[in-house]
């Protein structure tokens, strides 16, 4: 059993059980490999995992592979390669999976939703000199934002720059249901963790795009019948538009301190006898 305090900042602790350790020496150089199928990260407000982790290190070379979903080993993986001083390459691949099965408790990130699922791809590459490039895409499905129905949130982002100073986003977009707009900000590696400060501007989108759909097959429901009648006759429609601004602050050293702010601006109103 292994416990490693302050692994990423002062408030993060790694705990691993069933740890296997191998060490070999050849030509005066040592190669060390450690693996565990039960690794958790203890954070303020909760913990991440358990995950399977395999670490290998030799002079000038390091490799870390993390299996997020023990029930499907190839469905959600993270691999990080590096040298003696920094990470030089990272690959994250997550097929659509429930957050809880990935060892990512939604409440720890301030997320709400009955059937939250995540899919994601990420590629990070350190180039020559003080420069790195990052691309990311993915979606969070069935997110509850307090609207009439849950939304799917999807993103596609690219960033580049000096990791120490921050990678600036460019050509990046985020969509929350029908609301889609530009994503800007900086992702920065610092003190053993990663911090992101992002902003989002979206819209306008017609208010009708947010109307909850009437449940099909509910023929005995009076409200359903009246809605179908009004739709057919063109008696009413939802007029106006919605815009939104948002912000995200995330720090891997303390995900529980993450903040998501959404400020919608609405001019929605019901227009009667509309055609």
C-alpha atoms as a PDB file:
ATOM      1  CA  UNK A   1       0.000   0.000   0.000  1.00  0.00           C
ATOM      2  CA  UNK A   2       1.280   3.470  -0.926  1.00  0.00           C
ATOM      3  CA  UNK A   3       0.311   6.958   0.230  1.00  0.00           C
ATOM      4  CA  UNK A   4       1.843  10.030  -1.422  1.00  0.00           C
ATOM      5  CA  UNK A   5       0.978  13.381   0.125  1.00  0.00           C
ATOM      6  CA  UNK A   6       1.216  16.686  -1.784  1.00  0.00           C
ATOM      7  CA  UNK A   7       1.429  14.909  -5.137  1.00  0.00           C
ATOM      8  CA  UNK A   8      -0.175  17.868  -6.943  1.00  0.00           C
ATOM      9  CA  UNK A   9      -0.236  20.842  -4.621  1.00  0.00           C
ATOM     10  CA  UNK A  10      -0.578  20.809  -0.858  1.00  0.00           C
ATOM     11  CA  UNK A  11      -4.158  19.522  -0.799  1.00  0.00           C
ATOM     12  CA  UNK A  12      -3.960  16.453  -3.065  1.00  0.00           C
ATOM     13  CA  UNK A  13      -2.998  12.996  -1.792  1.00  0.00           C
ATOM     14  CA  UNK A  14      -2.537   9.795  -3.806  1.00  0.00           C
ATOM     15  CA  UNK A  15      -3.500   6.476  -2.228  1.00  0.00           C
ATOM     16  CA  UNK A  16      -2.832   3.115  -3.889  1.00  0.00           C
ATOM     17  CA  UNK A  17      -3.312  -0.467  -2.765  1.00  0.00           C
ATOM     18  CA  UNK A  18      -2.150  -3.729  -4.324  1.00  0.00           C
ATOM     19  CA  UNK A  19       0.981  -1.950  -5.594  1.00  0.00           C
ATOM     20  CA  UNK A  20       3.519  -3.987  -7.595  1.00  0.00           C
ATOM     21  CA  UNK A  21       7.045  -2.625  -8.002  1.00  0.00           C
ATOM     22  CA  UNK A  22       9.802  -3.850 -10.332  1.00  0.00           C
ATOM     23  CA  UNK A  23      13.322  -2.458 -10.709  1.00  0.00           C
ATOM     24  CA  UNK A  24      16.045  -3.507 -13.134  1.00  0.00           C
ATOM     25  CA  UNK A  25      19.577  -2.207 -13.620  1.00  0.00           C
ATOM     26  CA  UNK A  26      21.457  -2.447 -16.902  1.00  0.00           C
ATOM     27  CA  UNK A  27      24.707  -0.666 -17.804  1.00  0.00           C
ATOM     28  CA  UNK A  28      24.439   1.343 -14.599  1.00  0.00           C
ATOM     29  CA  UNK A  29      20.973   2.705 -15.488  1.00  0.00           C
ATOM     30  CA  UNK A  30      17.909   1.782 -13.447  1.00  0.00           C
ATOM     31  CA  UNK A  31      14.414   1.266 -14.825  1.00  0.00           C
ATOM     32  CA  UNK A  32      11.560   1.290 -12.325  1.00  0.00           C
ATOM     33  CA  UNK A  33       8.002   0.185 -13.005  1.00  0.00           C
ATOM     34  CA  UNK A  34       5.068   0.433 -10.595  1.00  0.00           C
ATOM     35  CA  UNK A  35       1.439  -0.512 -11.148  1.00  0.00           C
ATOM     36  CA  UNK A  36      -1.767  -0.699  -9.166  1.00  0.00           C
ATOM     37  CA  UNK A  37      -5.373  -1.444 -10.033  1.00  0.00           C
ATOM     38  CA  UNK A  38      -6.740   0.664  -7.169  1.00  0.00           C
ATOM     39  CA  UNK A  39      -5.478   4.251  -7.158  1.00  0.00           C
ATOM     40  CA  UNK A  40      -7.455   7.193  -5.803  1.00  0.00           C
ATOM     41  CA  UNK A  41      -6.720  10.900  -5.511  1.00  0.00           C
ATOM     42  CA  UNK A  42      -7.968  12.413  -2.264  1.00  0.00           C
ATOM     43  CA  UNK A  43      -9.013  16.043  -2.814  1.00  0.00           C
ATOM     44  CA  UNK A  44     -10.724  18.705  -0.749  1.00  0.00           C
ATOM     45  CA  UNK A  45     -14.394  17.767  -0.883  1.00  0.00           C
ATOM     46  CA  UNK A  46     -14.040  14.225  -2.249  1.00  0.00           C
ATOM     47  CA  UNK A  47     -11.902  11.810  -4.210  1.00  0.00           C
ATOM     48  CA  UNK A  48     -11.290  10.657  -7.792  1.00  0.00           C
ATOM     49  CA  UNK A  49     -11.003   7.022  -8.857  1.00  0.00           C
ATOM     50  CA  UNK A  50     -10.401   4.216  -8.273  1.00  0.00           C
ATOM     51  CA  UNK A  51      -8.247   3.886 -11.393  1.00  0.00           C
ATOM     52  CA  UNK A  52      -5.657   1.497 -12.732  1.00  0.00           C
ATOM     53  CA  UNK A  53      -2.238   3.149 -13.033  1.00  0.00           C
ATOM     54  CA  UNK A  54       0.979   1.883 -14.652  1.00  0.00           C
ATOM     55  CA  UNK A  55       4.146   3.994 -14.287  1.00  0.00           C
ATOM     56  CA  UNK A  56       7.546   3.342 -15.872  1.00  0.00           C
ATOM     57  CA  UNK A  57      10.626   5.510 -15.432  1.00  0.00           C
ATOM     58  CA  UNK A  58      14.223   5.290 -16.647  1.00  0.00           C
ATOM     59  CA  UNK A  59      16.886   7.985 -17.141  1.00  0.00           C
ATOM     60  CA  UNK A  60      15.454  10.653 -19.432  1.00  0.00           C
ATOM     61  CA  UNK A  61      12.179   8.812 -20.070  1.00  0.00           C
ATOM     62  CA  UNK A  62       8.927   8.488 -18.135  1.00  0.00           C
ATOM     63  CA  UNK A  63       5.538   7.018 -19.006  1.00  0.00           C
ATOM     64  CA  UNK A  64       2.237   6.991 -17.133  1.00  0.00           C
ATOM     65  CA  UNK A  65      -0.867   5.115 -18.285  1.00  0.00           C
ATOM     66  CA  UNK A  66      -4.191   5.491 -16.459  1.00  0.00           C
ATOM     67  CA  UNK A  67      -7.236   3.268 -16.992  1.00  0.00           C
ATOM     68  CA  UNK A  68     -10.299   5.212 -15.850  1.00  0.00           C
ATOM     69  CA  UNK A  69     -12.945   2.500 -16.310  1.00  0.00           C
ATOM     70  CA  UNK A  70     -11.975  -0.847 -14.826  1.00  0.00           C
ATOM     71  CA  UNK A  71     -15.057  -2.524 -16.348  1.00  0.00           C
ATOM     72  CA  UNK A  72     -13.905  -1.663 -19.894  1.00  0.00           C
ATOM     73  CA  UNK A  73     -10.092  -1.238 -19.886  1.00  0.00           C
ATOM     74  CA  UNK A  74      -9.834   0.155 -23.432  1.00  0.00           C
ATOM     75  CA  UNK A  75     -12.780   2.564 -23.210  1.00  0.00           C
ATOM     76  CA  UNK A  76     -11.209   5.377 -21.185  1.00  0.00           C
ATOM     77  CA  UNK A  77      -7.453   5.854 -20.984  1.00  0.00           C
ATOM     78  CA  UNK A  78      -4.918   8.586 -20.340  1.00  0.00           C
ATOM     79  CA  UNK A  79      -1.259   8.282 -21.333  1.00  0.00           C
ATOM     80  CA  UNK A  80       1.416  10.842 -20.473  1.00  0.00           C
ATOM     81  CA  UNK A  81       5.017  10.628 -21.761  1.00  0.00           C
ATOM     82  CA  UNK A  82       7.815  12.833 -20.513  1.00  0.00           C
ATOM     83  CA  UNK A  83      11.491  13.316 -19.815  1.00  0.00           C
ATOM     84  CA  UNK A  84      13.257  14.163 -16.571  1.00  0.00           C
ATOM     85  CA  UNK A  85      11.695  17.619 -16.315  1.00  0.00           C
ATOM     86  CA  UNK A  86       8.325  17.817 -18.088  1.00  0.00           C
ATOM     87  CA  UNK A  87       5.485  16.077 -19.854  1.00  0.00           C
ATOM     88  CA  UNK A  88       6.204  16.001 -23.584  1.00  0.00           C
ATOM     89  CA  UNK A  89       3.061  14.263 -24.865  1.00  0.00           C
ATOM     90  CA  UNK A  90      -0.384  13.359 -23.527  1.00  0.00           C
ATOM     91  CA  UNK A  91      -3.303  11.459 -25.014  1.00  0.00           C
ATOM     92  CA  UNK A  92      -6.779  11.153 -23.458  1.00  0.00           C
ATOM     93  CA  UNK A  93      -9.461   9.023 -25.089  1.00  0.00           C
ATOM     94  CA  UNK A  94     -12.854   8.412 -23.468  1.00  0.00           C
ATOM     95  CA  UNK A  95     -15.679   6.643 -25.232  1.00  0.00           C
ATOM     96  CA  UNK A  96     -19.132   7.779 -24.092  1.00  0.00           C
ATOM     97  CA  UNK A  97     -19.446   6.575 -20.502  1.00  0.00           C
ATOM     98  CA  UNK A  98     -21.259   7.522 -17.262  1.00  0.00           C
ATOM     99  CA  UNK A  99     -19.143   9.886 -15.164  1.00  0.00           C
ATOM    100  CA  UNK A 100     -19.462   7.730 -12.053  1.00  0.00           C
ATOM    101  CA  UNK A 101     -17.976   4.757 -13.908  1.00  0.00           C
ATOM    102  CA  UNK A 102     -14.963   6.895 -14.832  1.00  0.00           C
ATOM    103  CA  UNK A 103     -14.207   7.703 -11.206  1.00  0.00           C
ATOM    104  CA  UNK A 104     -15.366  11.302 -11.720  1.00  0.00           C
ATOM    105  CA  UNK A 105     -18.151  12.053  -9.196  1.00  0.00           C
ATOM    106  CA  UNK A 106     -20.362  14.760 -10.777  1.00  0.00           C
ATOM    107  CA  UNK A 107     -21.005  16.498  -7.435  1.00  0.00           C
ATOM    108  CA  UNK A 108     -17.273  17.039  -6.938  1.00  0.00           C
ATOM    109  CA  UNK A 109     -17.227  19.168 -10.105  1.00  0.00           C
ATOM    110  CA  UNK A 110     -20.476  20.971  -9.323  1.00  0.00           C
ATOM    111  CA  UNK A 111     -22.311  19.136 -12.123  1.00  0.00           C
ATOM    112  CA  UNK A 112     -25.920  17.972 -11.984  1.00  0.00           C
ATOM    113  CA  UNK A 113     -27.873  15.513 -14.055  1.00  0.00           C
ATOM    114  CA  UNK A 114     -29.601  12.162 -13.686  1.00  0.00           C
ATOM    115  CA  UNK A 115     -27.797  10.399 -16.546  1.00  0.00           C
ATOM    116  CA  UNK A 116     -24.567  12.350 -17.024  1.00  0.00           C
ATOM    117  CA  UNK A 117     -22.201  10.816 -19.586  1.00  0.00           C
ATOM    118  CA  UNK A 118     -18.858  12.009 -20.928  1.00  0.00           C
ATOM    119  CA  UNK A 119     -16.923  11.443 -24.140  1.00  0.00           C
ATOM    120  CA  UNK A 120     -13.623  13.175 -24.862  1.00  0.00           C
ATOM    121  CA  UNK A 121     -10.455  13.254 -26.957  1.00  0.00           C
ATOM    122  CA  UNK A 122      -7.371  15.284 -26.037  1.00  0.00           C
ATOM    123  CA  UNK A 123      -3.902  15.532 -27.548  1.00  0.00           C
ATOM    124  CA  UNK A 124      -1.007  17.518 -26.036  1.00  0.00           C
ATOM    125  CA  UNK A 125       2.416  17.842 -27.624  1.00  0.00           C
ATOM    126  CA  UNK A 126       5.419  19.826 -26.417  1.00  0.00           C
ATOM    127  CA  UNK A 127       7.268  21.311 -29.380  1.00  0.00           C
ATOM    128  CA  UNK A 128      10.856  22.545 -29.559  1.00  0.00           C
ATOM    129  CA  UNK A 129      11.608  25.372 -27.153  1.00  0.00           C
ATOM    130  CA  UNK A 130       9.053  26.756 -24.728  1.00  0.00           C
ATOM    131  CA  UNK A 131       5.993  25.873 -26.801  1.00  0.00           C
ATOM    132  CA  UNK A 132       3.236  23.303 -26.697  1.00  0.00           C
ATOM    133  CA  UNK A 133       0.068  22.580 -28.670  1.00  0.00           C
ATOM    134  CA  UNK A 134      -3.208  21.152 -27.418  1.00  0.00           C
ATOM    135  CA  UNK A 135      -6.388  20.022 -29.177  1.00  0.00           C
ATOM    136  CA  UNK A 136      -9.506  18.774 -27.428  1.00  0.00           C
ATOM    137  CA  UNK A 137     -13.033  17.743 -28.327  1.00  0.00           C
ATOM    138  CA  UNK A 138     -15.857  16.021 -26.527  1.00  0.00           C
ATOM    139  CA  UNK A 139     -19.321  16.240 -25.046  1.00  0.00           C
ATOM    140  CA  UNK A 140     -21.077  16.064 -21.701  1.00  0.00           C
ATOM    141  CA  UNK A 141     -24.514  14.536 -22.156  1.00  0.00           C
ATOM    142  CA  UNK A 142     -27.722  15.196 -20.160  1.00  0.00           C
ATOM    143  CA  UNK A 143     -26.411  18.111 -18.099  1.00  0.00           C
ATOM    144  CA  UNK A 144     -29.020  19.735 -15.859  1.00  0.00           C
ATOM    145  CA  UNK A 145     -28.691  23.533 -15.920  1.00  0.00           C
ATOM    146  CA  UNK A 146     -32.093  24.247 -14.419  1.00  0.00           C
ATOM    147  CA  UNK A 147     -33.730  24.586 -17.854  1.00  0.00           C
ATOM    148  CA  UNK A 148     -36.933  22.804 -18.995  1.00  0.00           C
ATOM    149  CA  UNK A 149     -34.884  19.831 -20.145  1.00  0.00           C
ATOM    150  CA  UNK A 150     -31.267  18.587 -19.793  1.00  0.00           C
ATOM    151  CA  UNK A 151     -28.788  19.745 -22.415  1.00  0.00           C
ATOM    152  CA  UNK A 152     -25.850  18.182 -24.191  1.00  0.00           C
ATOM    153  CA  UNK A 153     -22.735  20.346 -23.971  1.00  0.00           C
ATOM    154  CA  UNK A 154     -20.098  19.787 -26.660  1.00  0.00           C
ATOM    155  CA  UNK A 155     -16.791  21.480 -27.384  1.00  0.00           C
ATOM    156  CA  UNK A 156     -13.929  21.642 -29.841  1.00  0.00           C
ATOM    157  CA  UNK A 157     -10.832  23.561 -28.802  1.00  0.00           C
ATOM    158  CA  UNK A 158      -7.251  24.280 -29.800  1.00  0.00           C
ATOM    159  CA  UNK A 159      -4.566  26.078 -27.794  1.00  0.00           C
ATOM    160  CA  UNK A 160      -0.863  26.806 -28.053  1.00  0.00           C
ATOM    161  CA  UNK A 161       1.874  28.728 -26.255  1.00  0.00           C
ATOM    162  CA  UNK A 162       4.357  28.412 -23.413  1.00  0.00           C
ATOM    163  CA  UNK A 163       2.974  25.907 -20.863  1.00  0.00           C
ATOM    164  CA  UNK A 164       4.450  27.919 -17.992  1.00  0.00           C
ATOM    165  CA  UNK A 165       2.832  31.148 -19.211  1.00  0.00           C
ATOM    166  CA  UNK A 166      -0.360  29.521 -20.442  1.00  0.00           C
ATOM    167  CA  UNK A 167      -1.774  28.059 -23.650  1.00  0.00           C
ATOM    168  CA  UNK A 168      -4.150  30.550 -25.274  1.00  0.00           C
ATOM    169  CA  UNK A 169      -7.293  29.126 -26.895  1.00  0.00           C
ATOM    170  CA  UNK A 170      -7.990  29.827 -30.557  1.00  0.00           C
ATOM    171  CA  UNK A 171     -10.581  28.549 -33.048  1.00  0.00           C
ATOM    172  CA  UNK A 172     -12.512  27.110 -30.104  1.00  0.00           C
ATOM    173  CA  UNK A 173     -16.277  26.622 -29.857  1.00  0.00           C
ATOM    174  CA  UNK A 174     -18.723  25.324 -27.262  1.00  0.00           C
ATOM    175  CA  UNK A 175     -22.384  24.438 -27.676  1.00  0.00           C
ATOM    176  CA  UNK A 176     -24.919  24.013 -24.859  1.00  0.00           C
ATOM    177  CA  UNK A 177     -27.963  22.544 -26.535  1.00  0.00           C
ATOM    178  CA  UNK A 178     -28.935  24.993 -29.300  1.00  0.00           C
ATOM    179  CA  UNK A 179     -26.730  27.749 -27.848  1.00  0.00           C
ATOM    180  CA  UNK A 180     -23.365  27.783 -29.624  1.00  0.00           C
ATOM    181  CA  UNK A 181     -20.538  30.288 -29.481  1.00  0.00           C
ATOM    182  CA  UNK A 182     -16.847  31.057 -29.149  1.00  0.00           C
ATOM    183  CA  UNK A 183     -14.686  29.805 -26.284  1.00  0.00           C
ATOM    184  CA  UNK A 184     -11.702  31.879 -25.176  1.00  0.00           C
ATOM    185  CA  UNK A 185      -9.212  31.798 -22.310  1.00  0.00           C
ATOM    186  CA  UNK A 186      -5.974  30.268 -21.065  1.00  0.00           C
ATOM    187  CA  UNK A 187      -4.914  26.796 -19.876  1.00  0.00           C
ATOM    188  CA  UNK A 188      -1.846  26.837 -17.646  1.00  0.00           C
ATOM    189  CA  UNK A 189       0.360  24.209 -15.983  1.00  0.00           C
ATOM    190  CA  UNK A 190       1.428  25.300 -12.515  1.00  0.00           C
ATOM    191  CA  UNK A 191       2.499  23.789  -9.186  1.00  0.00           C
ATOM    192  CA  UNK A 192       1.964  20.216 -10.322  1.00  0.00           C
ATOM    193  CA  UNK A 193      -1.524  20.834 -11.684  1.00  0.00           C
ATOM    194  CA  UNK A 194      -3.485  22.346 -14.565  1.00  0.00           C
ATOM    195  CA  UNK A 195      -5.662  25.445 -14.306  1.00  0.00           C
ATOM    196  CA  UNK A 196      -8.147  26.691 -16.905  1.00  0.00           C
ATOM    197  CA  UNK A 197      -9.853  30.086 -16.986  1.00  0.00           C
ATOM    198  CA  UNK A 198     -12.317  30.169 -19.870  1.00  0.00           C
ATOM    199  CA  UNK A 199     -15.086  32.457 -21.128  1.00  0.00           C
ATOM    200  CA  UNK A 200     -17.978  31.723 -23.507  1.00  0.00           C
ATOM    201  CA  UNK A 201     -20.335  33.917 -25.534  1.00  0.00           C
ATOM    202  CA  UNK A 202     -23.262  32.421 -27.466  1.00  0.00           C
ATOM    203  CA  UNK A 203     -26.441  33.263 -29.309  1.00  0.00           C
ATOM    204  CA  UNK A 204     -28.836  34.563 -30.308  1.00  0.00           C
ATOM    205  CA  UNK A 205     -31.069  31.474 -30.503  1.00  0.00           C
ATOM    206  CA  UNK A 206     -34.893  31.496 -30.922  1.00  0.00           C
ATOM    207  CA  UNK A 207     -36.697  30.798 -27.645  1.00  0.00           C
ATOM    208  CA  UNK A 208     -38.712  28.059 -29.340  1.00  0.00           C
ATOM    209  CA  UNK A 209     -35.552  25.966 -29.521  1.00  0.00           C
ATOM    210  CA  UNK A 210     -35.745  25.475 -25.750  1.00  0.00           C
ATOM    211  CA  UNK A 211     -39.386  24.400 -25.587  1.00  0.00           C
ATOM    212  CA  UNK A 212     -39.755  20.959 -24.005  1.00  0.00           C
ATOM    213  CA  UNK A 213     -41.180  18.491 -26.479  1.00  0.00           C
ATOM    214  CA  UNK A 214     -44.571  17.026 -25.682  1.00  0.00           C
ATOM    215  CA  UNK A 215     -44.345  13.336 -24.865  1.00  0.00           C
ATOM    216  CA  UNK A 216     -45.560  11.244 -27.781  1.00  0.00           C
ATOM    217  CA  UNK A 217     -48.137   8.567 -27.057  1.00  0.00           C
ATOM    218  CA  UNK A 218     -49.666  10.413 -24.094  1.00  0.00           C
ATOM    219  CA  UNK A 219     -53.033  10.590 -25.837  1.00  0.00           C
ATOM    220  CA  UNK A 220     -55.131  10.813 -22.642  1.00  0.00           C
ATOM    221  CA  UNK A 221     -53.251  13.841 -21.328  1.00  0.00           C
ATOM    222  CA  UNK A 222     -55.389  16.979 -21.777  1.00  0.00           C
ATOM    223  CA  UNK A 223     -52.391  19.344 -21.830  1.00  0.00           C
ATOM    224  CA  UNK A 224     -50.791  17.252 -24.542  1.00  0.00           C
ATOM    225  CA  UNK A 225     -53.957  17.332 -26.655  1.00  0.00           C
ATOM    226  CA  UNK A 226     -54.346  21.107 -26.265  1.00  0.00           C
ATOM    227  CA  UNK A 227     -50.717  21.658 -27.220  1.00  0.00           C
ATOM    228  CA  UNK A 228     -51.083  19.535 -30.359  1.00  0.00           C
ATOM    229  CA  UNK A 229     -54.253  21.446 -31.273  1.00  0.00           C
ATOM    230  CA  UNK A 230     -52.564  24.826 -30.774  1.00  0.00           C
ATOM    231  CA  UNK A 231     -49.541  23.730 -32.811  1.00  0.00           C
ATOM    232  CA  UNK A 232     -51.741  22.506 -35.655  1.00  0.00           C
ATOM    233  CA  UNK A 233     -53.848  25.659 -35.715  1.00  0.00           C
ATOM    234  CA  UNK A 234     -50.933  28.040 -35.263  1.00  0.00           C
ATOM    235  CA  UNK A 235     -52.644  29.576 -32.222  1.00  0.00           C
ATOM    236  CA  UNK A 236     -49.498  30.236 -30.222  1.00  0.00           C
ATOM    237  CA  UNK A 237     -45.760  30.164 -30.474  1.00  0.00           C
ATOM    238  CA  UNK A 238     -42.833  31.135 -28.291  1.00  0.00           C
ATOM    239  CA  UNK A 239     -41.299  34.348 -29.648  1.00  0.00           C
ATOM    240  CA  UNK A 240     -38.065  36.123 -28.826  1.00  0.00           C
ATOM    241  CA  UNK A 241     -34.477  34.992 -28.477  1.00  0.00           C
ATOM    242  CA  UNK A 242     -31.889  33.910 -25.932  1.00  0.00           C
ATOM    243  CA  UNK A 243     -28.244  34.892 -25.635  1.00  0.00           C
ATOM    244  CA  UNK A 244     -25.782  33.676 -23.048  1.00  0.00           C
ATOM    245  CA  UNK A 245     -22.433  34.423 -21.482  1.00  0.00           C
ATOM    246  CA  UNK A 246     -20.540  31.957 -19.348  1.00  0.00           C
ATOM    247  CA  UNK A 247     -17.287  31.372 -17.524  1.00  0.00           C
ATOM    248  CA  UNK A 248     -15.426  28.303 -16.285  1.00  0.00           C
ATOM    249  CA  UNK A 249     -12.655  28.139 -13.702  1.00  0.00           C
ATOM    250  CA  UNK A 250     -11.054  24.717 -13.170  1.00  0.00           C
ATOM    251  CA  UNK A 251      -7.994  23.676 -11.156  1.00  0.00           C
ATOM    252  CA  UNK A 252      -6.943  20.008 -11.204  1.00  0.00           C
ATOM    253  CA  UNK A 253      -5.437  20.404  -7.733  1.00  0.00           C
ATOM    254  CA  UNK A 254      -8.892  21.080  -6.291  1.00  0.00           C
ATOM    255  CA  UNK A 255     -11.772  20.244  -8.674  1.00  0.00           C
ATOM    256  CA  UNK A 256     -14.292  20.955  -5.900  1.00  0.00           C
ATOM    257  CA  UNK A 257     -13.354  24.646  -6.232  1.00  0.00           C
ATOM    258  CA  UNK A 258     -14.378  24.636  -9.915  1.00  0.00           C
ATOM    259  CA  UNK A 259     -16.869  27.336 -10.855  1.00  0.00           C
ATOM    260  CA  UNK A 260     -19.277  27.403 -13.777  1.00  0.00           C
ATOM    261  CA  UNK A 261     -21.238  30.614 -14.316  1.00  0.00           C
ATOM    262  CA  UNK A 262     -24.009  30.957 -16.888  1.00  0.00           C
ATOM    263  CA  UNK A 263     -25.794  34.277 -17.495  1.00  0.00           C
ATOM    264  CA  UNK A 264     -28.605  33.978 -20.047  1.00  0.00           C
ATOM    265  CA  UNK A 265     -30.356  37.020 -21.493  1.00  0.00           C
ATOM    266  CA  UNK A 266     -33.890  36.321 -22.690  1.00  0.00           C
ATOM    267  CA  UNK A 267     -36.577  38.232 -24.577  1.00  0.00           C
ATOM    268  CA  UNK A 268     -38.908  35.209 -24.678  1.00  0.00           C
ATOM    269  CA  UNK A 269     -42.682  35.737 -24.751  1.00  0.00           C
ATOM    270  CA  UNK A 270     -45.741  33.851 -25.945  1.00  0.00           C
ATOM    271  CA  UNK A 271     -47.204  35.224 -29.172  1.00  0.00           C
ATOM    272  CA  UNK A 272     -50.886  34.284 -29.567  1.00  0.00           C
ATOM    273  CA  UNK A 273     -52.621  33.556 -32.872  1.00  0.00           C
ATOM    274  CA  UNK A 274     -49.225  33.413 -34.608  1.00  0.00           C
ATOM    275  CA  UNK A 275     -48.818  31.822 -38.009  1.00  0.00           C
END
